């Protein structure tokens, strides 16, 4: 579980083994699995998969970076990395750009619909 004091509004939606959006997405795709609830920003200095029998473990790219520091995790070929692909609505991008311009003039660099402009 995460420390809900760090995210008081979202913890009610994200905390717990059955509430994370990524796990819900995987279940919606028809996968069945046992989830391991780890604290938000878990360090992976201790191996959470030690002494567990499993064929495949899925972790996020963010967690994979942290796992590289743990030799046992870095060498474990049963761990697969699930990339996150964010697709932002162009209306949201336009809204954020407009707010940035209003707050401080024209930004020197803005991501505009997928490409950087200077």
Protein backbone atom coordinates (compact mmCIF):
# COMPACT_ATOMS: atom_id res chain seq x y z
CA UNK A 1 0.00 0.00 0.00
CA UNK A 2 1.10 3.55 -0.53
CA UNK A 3 1.38 6.21 2.12
CA UNK A 4 -1.99 7.89 1.59
CA UNK A 5 -0.75 11.04 3.34
CA UNK A 6 1.38 11.68 0.23
CA UNK A 7 -1.65 11.60 -2.06
CA UNK A 8 -4.72 12.24 0.10
CA UNK A 9 -7.21 12.65 -2.74
CA UNK A 10 -6.15 9.87 -5.11
CA UNK A 11 -5.25 7.14 -2.61
CA UNK A 12 -8.90 6.18 -2.23
CA UNK A 13 -8.95 5.38 -5.96
CA UNK A 14 -5.51 3.86 -6.49
CA UNK A 15 -4.52 2.07 -3.29
CA UNK A 16 -5.05 -1.63 -2.91
CA UNK A 17 -4.41 -4.67 -5.03
CA UNK A 18 -7.63 -4.36 -7.05
CA UNK A 19 -7.77 -0.62 -7.61
CA UNK A 20 -4.74 0.34 -9.70
CA UNK A 21 -5.74 1.42 -13.22
CA UNK A 22 -2.99 -0.63 -14.85
CA UNK A 23 -4.20 -3.82 -13.19
CA UNK A 24 -7.78 -3.00 -14.14
CA UNK A 25 -6.66 -2.59 -17.76
CA UNK A 26 -4.94 -5.99 -17.70
CA UNK A 27 -7.97 -7.67 -16.14
CA UNK A 28 -10.22 -6.04 -18.74
CA UNK A 29 -8.00 -7.64 -21.39
CA UNK A 30 -8.79 -11.04 -19.89
CA UNK A 31 -5.63 -11.69 -17.86
CA UNK A 32 -5.93 -13.36 -14.48
CA UNK A 33 -3.19 -12.91 -11.90
CA UNK A 34 -2.25 -12.37 -8.28
CA UNK A 35 -1.28 -8.78 -7.56
CA UNK A 36 1.40 -7.79 -5.08
CA UNK A 37 0.54 -4.51 -3.39
CA UNK A 38 3.72 -2.46 -2.98
CA UNK A 39 4.08 1.00 -1.52
CA UNK A 40 3.97 3.87 -3.96
CA UNK A 41 7.56 4.63 -5.03
CA UNK A 42 8.76 1.25 -3.72
CA UNK A 43 12.58 1.20 -3.87
CA UNK A 44 13.12 -2.46 -4.90
CA UNK A 45 16.17 -2.64 -2.62
CA UNK A 46 14.45 -5.77 -1.25
CA UNK A 47 13.18 -8.28 -3.80
CA UNK A 48 9.37 -8.46 -3.49
CA UNK A 49 9.33 -11.55 -5.72
CA UNK A 50 11.74 -13.61 -3.60
CA UNK A 51 10.23 -16.89 -2.37
CA UNK A 52 7.25 -16.55 -4.72
CA UNK A 53 6.43 -19.10 -7.37
CA UNK A 54 5.39 -17.42 -10.60
CA UNK A 55 5.90 -17.71 -14.33
CA UNK A 56 5.79 -14.05 -15.25
CA UNK A 57 5.76 -10.73 -13.40
CA UNK A 58 4.76 -7.47 -15.06
CA UNK A 59 6.17 -4.16 -13.83
CA UNK A 60 6.15 -0.61 -15.14
CA UNK A 61 9.07 1.03 -16.91
CA UNK A 62 9.51 3.29 -13.88
CA UNK A 63 9.88 0.26 -11.64
CA UNK A 64 12.21 -1.48 -14.11
CA UNK A 65 14.70 1.37 -13.75
CA UNK A 66 14.74 0.85 -9.98
CA UNK A 67 15.07 -2.94 -10.38
CA UNK A 68 18.38 -2.54 -12.24
CA UNK A 69 20.06 -1.64 -8.93
CA UNK A 70 19.07 -5.03 -7.43
CA UNK A 71 21.23 -7.77 -9.00
CA UNK A 72 18.66 -10.52 -8.37
CA UNK A 73 15.87 -8.51 -9.99
CA UNK A 74 18.03 -7.34 -12.88
CA UNK A 75 18.87 -10.96 -13.75
CA UNK A 76 15.35 -12.36 -13.32
CA UNK A 77 14.08 -13.20 -16.81
CA UNK A 78 10.55 -13.76 -15.50
CA UNK A 79 10.05 -10.02 -15.09
CA UNK A 80 8.45 -8.23 -18.03
CA UNK A 81 8.16 -4.49 -18.47
CA UNK A 82 4.85 -2.92 -19.46
CA UNK A 83 5.34 0.42 -21.23
CA UNK A 84 3.02 3.32 -20.60
CA UNK A 85 1.75 5.06 -23.69
CA UNK A 86 -0.05 8.31 -22.98
CA UNK A 87 -2.27 9.82 -25.62
CA UNK A 88 -3.33 13.31 -24.70
CA UNK A 89 -6.40 14.87 -26.21
CA UNK A 90 -5.40 17.78 -28.46
CA UNK A 91 -7.94 19.93 -26.62
CA UNK A 92 -6.01 19.38 -23.40
CA UNK A 93 -2.74 20.32 -25.10
CA UNK A 94 -4.31 23.49 -26.49
CA UNK A 95 -5.72 24.33 -23.05
CA UNK A 96 -2.35 23.88 -21.32
CA UNK A 97 -0.53 25.91 -24.00
CA UNK A 98 -3.06 28.73 -23.64
CA UNK A 99 -2.69 28.74 -19.85
CA UNK A 100 1.12 28.82 -20.15
CA UNK A 101 0.99 31.72 -22.57
CA UNK A 102 -1.44 33.62 -20.37
CA UNK A 103 0.67 33.03 -17.27
CA UNK A 104 4.08 33.98 -18.65
CA UNK A 105 3.95 34.92 -22.27
CA UNK A 106 4.86 32.60 -25.13
CA UNK A 107 6.80 29.59 -23.82
CA UNK A 108 10.27 29.17 -25.31
CA UNK A 109 9.60 25.48 -25.91
CA UNK A 110 6.21 23.80 -26.02
CA UNK A 111 5.22 20.30 -27.02
CA UNK A 112 2.59 20.90 -29.62
CA UNK A 113 0.57 17.93 -30.81
CA UNK A 114 3.50 15.55 -30.59
CA UNK A 115 6.36 17.67 -31.89
CA UNK A 116 8.60 20.13 -30.08
CA UNK A 117 8.63 23.71 -31.30
CA UNK A 118 11.04 26.44 -30.32
